[in-house]
Amino acid sequence: MALNLDRIKHWLSVGAKPSERIHLFLAEVGLLPKKAFTVQTKKNQSKRKAQERLQAEIANKAAAEQAAQTQEESASVEEIEETPTETIETTEVEETSQPFTEETGSE
């Protein structure tokens, strides 16, 4: 697309106002500042029931994730409780009246 920048500048200087689409073209070229987009009306938003279903779906997902996490934690606790413990038998050692020395291994 070819733009005659001299004529565009002339018409803008005498008060011509470009449409939104032309304003975008001129902003890309650098003749005008970029416009901020306006917020759209509520027509683009989903209806109340659809929003309620979405909120319910989000809540159900969160509850399912929390239940799964709780179930994993309880399973790990049960696993720990079911693990057999080892018993170590102790034997009594007789005391000798002879002192032990490191050099000989005995008295």
Protein backbone atom coordinates (compact mmCIF):
# COMPACT_ATOMS: atom_id res chain seq x y z
CA MET A 1 0.00 0.00 0.00
CA ALA A 2 1.37 3.41 -0.89
CA LEU A 3 0.69 6.43 1.29
CA ASN A 4 1.17 10.00 0.19
CA LEU A 5 2.49 11.34 3.49
CA ASP A 6 2.47 15.00 2.37
CA ARG A 7 -1.26 14.89 1.58
CA ILE A 8 -2.03 12.98 4.79
CA LYS A 9 -0.18 15.60 6.85
CA HIS A 10 -2.07 18.37 4.99
CA TRP A 11 -5.50 16.88 5.68
CA LEU A 12 -4.66 16.20 9.32
CA SER A 13 -3.46 19.81 9.69
CA VAL A 14 -6.78 21.20 8.40
CA GLY A 15 -8.77 19.11 10.88
CA ALA A 16 -9.49 15.83 9.12
CA LYS A 17 -10.08 12.97 11.56
CA PRO A 18 -9.18 9.48 10.38
CA SER A 19 -11.37 6.45 11.08
CA GLU A 20 -10.12 3.92 13.62
CA ARG A 21 -8.68 1.63 10.96
CA ILE A 22 -6.89 4.48 9.16
CA HIS A 23 -5.65 5.75 12.52
CA LEU A 24 -4.05 2.32 13.05
CA PHE A 25 -2.33 2.53 9.65
CA LEU A 26 -1.06 6.03 10.36
CA ALA A 27 0.13 4.97 13.82
CA GLU A 28 2.15 2.15 12.27
CA VAL A 29 3.80 4.64 9.92
CA GLY A 30 4.49 7.01 12.81
CA LEU A 31 2.25 9.95 11.87
CA LEU A 32 -0.13 9.52 14.81
CA PRO A 33 0.28 8.11 18.32
CA LYS A 34 -1.13 4.65 18.90
CA LYS A 35 -4.62 4.60 20.38
CA ALA A 36 -5.44 2.57 23.42
CA PHE A 37 -8.19 0.07 22.70
CA THR A 38 -11.45 0.73 24.49
CA VAL A 39 -13.00 -1.84 26.77
CA GLN A 40 -15.69 -3.80 25.00
CA THR A 41 -19.24 -3.99 26.21
CA LYS A 42 -20.62 -6.83 28.28
CA LYS A 43 -21.77 -8.60 25.11
CA ASN A 44 -18.36 -10.20 24.77
CA GLN A 45 -18.61 -11.75 28.25
CA SER A 46 -20.30 -15.07 28.86
CA LYS A 47 -23.73 -15.16 30.40
CA ARG A 48 -24.39 -15.63 34.12
CA LYS A 49 -25.14 -19.37 33.96
CA ALA A 50 -22.02 -20.07 31.93
CA GLN A 51 -19.95 -18.14 34.46
CA GLU A 52 -21.55 -20.09 37.32
CA ARG A 53 -20.77 -23.40 35.58
CA LEU A 54 -17.18 -22.30 35.07
CA GLN A 55 -16.83 -21.36 38.76
CA ALA A 56 -18.35 -24.70 39.80
CA GLU A 57 -15.96 -26.56 37.49
CA ILE A 58 -12.98 -24.72 38.96
CA ALA A 59 -14.19 -25.50 42.50
CA ASN A 60 -14.66 -29.20 41.62
CA LYS A 61 -11.14 -29.42 40.21
CA ALA A 62 -9.69 -27.82 43.33
CA ALA A 63 -11.65 -30.19 45.59
CA ALA A 64 -10.52 -33.22 43.56
CA GLU A 65 -6.87 -32.14 43.74
CA GLN A 66 -7.13 -31.58 47.48
CA ALA A 67 -8.79 -35.00 47.97
CA ALA A 68 -6.07 -36.69 45.92
CA GLN A 69 -3.36 -34.97 47.94
CA THR A 70 -5.01 -35.99 51.23
CA GLN A 71 -5.35 -39.55 49.97
CA GLU A 72 -1.65 -39.68 49.05
CA GLU A 73 -0.67 -38.39 52.47
CA SER A 74 -2.85 -40.94 54.28
CA ALA A 75 -1.46 -43.75 52.09
CA SER A 76 2.11 -42.81 53.00
CA VAL A 77 1.20 -42.71 56.71
CA GLU A 78 -0.41 -46.18 56.48
CA GLU A 79 2.68 -47.47 54.66
CA ILE A 80 4.90 -46.24 57.46
CA GLU A 81 2.64 -47.82 60.09
CA GLU A 82 2.59 -51.19 58.28
CA THR A 83 6.37 -51.39 57.96
CA PRO A 84 7.61 -54.07 60.36
CA THR A 85 10.03 -52.93 62.96
CA GLU A 86 13.20 -54.85 63.65
CA THR A 87 13.85 -56.09 67.12
CA ILE A 88 17.40 -56.33 68.24
CA GLU A 89 18.25 -58.89 70.87
CA THR A 90 20.78 -57.83 73.39
CA THR A 91 23.14 -60.14 75.17
CA GLU A 92 24.68 -59.48 78.47
CA VAL A 93 28.42 -59.11 78.63
CA GLU A 94 30.26 -60.45 81.63
CA GLU A 95 32.48 -58.01 83.37
CA THR A 96 36.04 -59.11 83.96
CA SER A 97 38.18 -57.89 86.73
CA GLN A 98 41.17 -57.60 84.42
CA PRO A 99 41.73 -54.21 82.74
CA PHE A 100 41.90 -54.02 78.97
CA THR A 101 44.91 -52.43 77.29
CA GLU A 102 45.24 -51.42 73.69
CA GLU A 103 48.72 -52.83 73.13
CA THR A 104 48.05 -56.47 73.84
CA GLY A 105 44.31 -56.63 73.45
CA SER A 106 44.18 -57.97 76.99
CA GLU A 107 45.85 -57.33 80.30
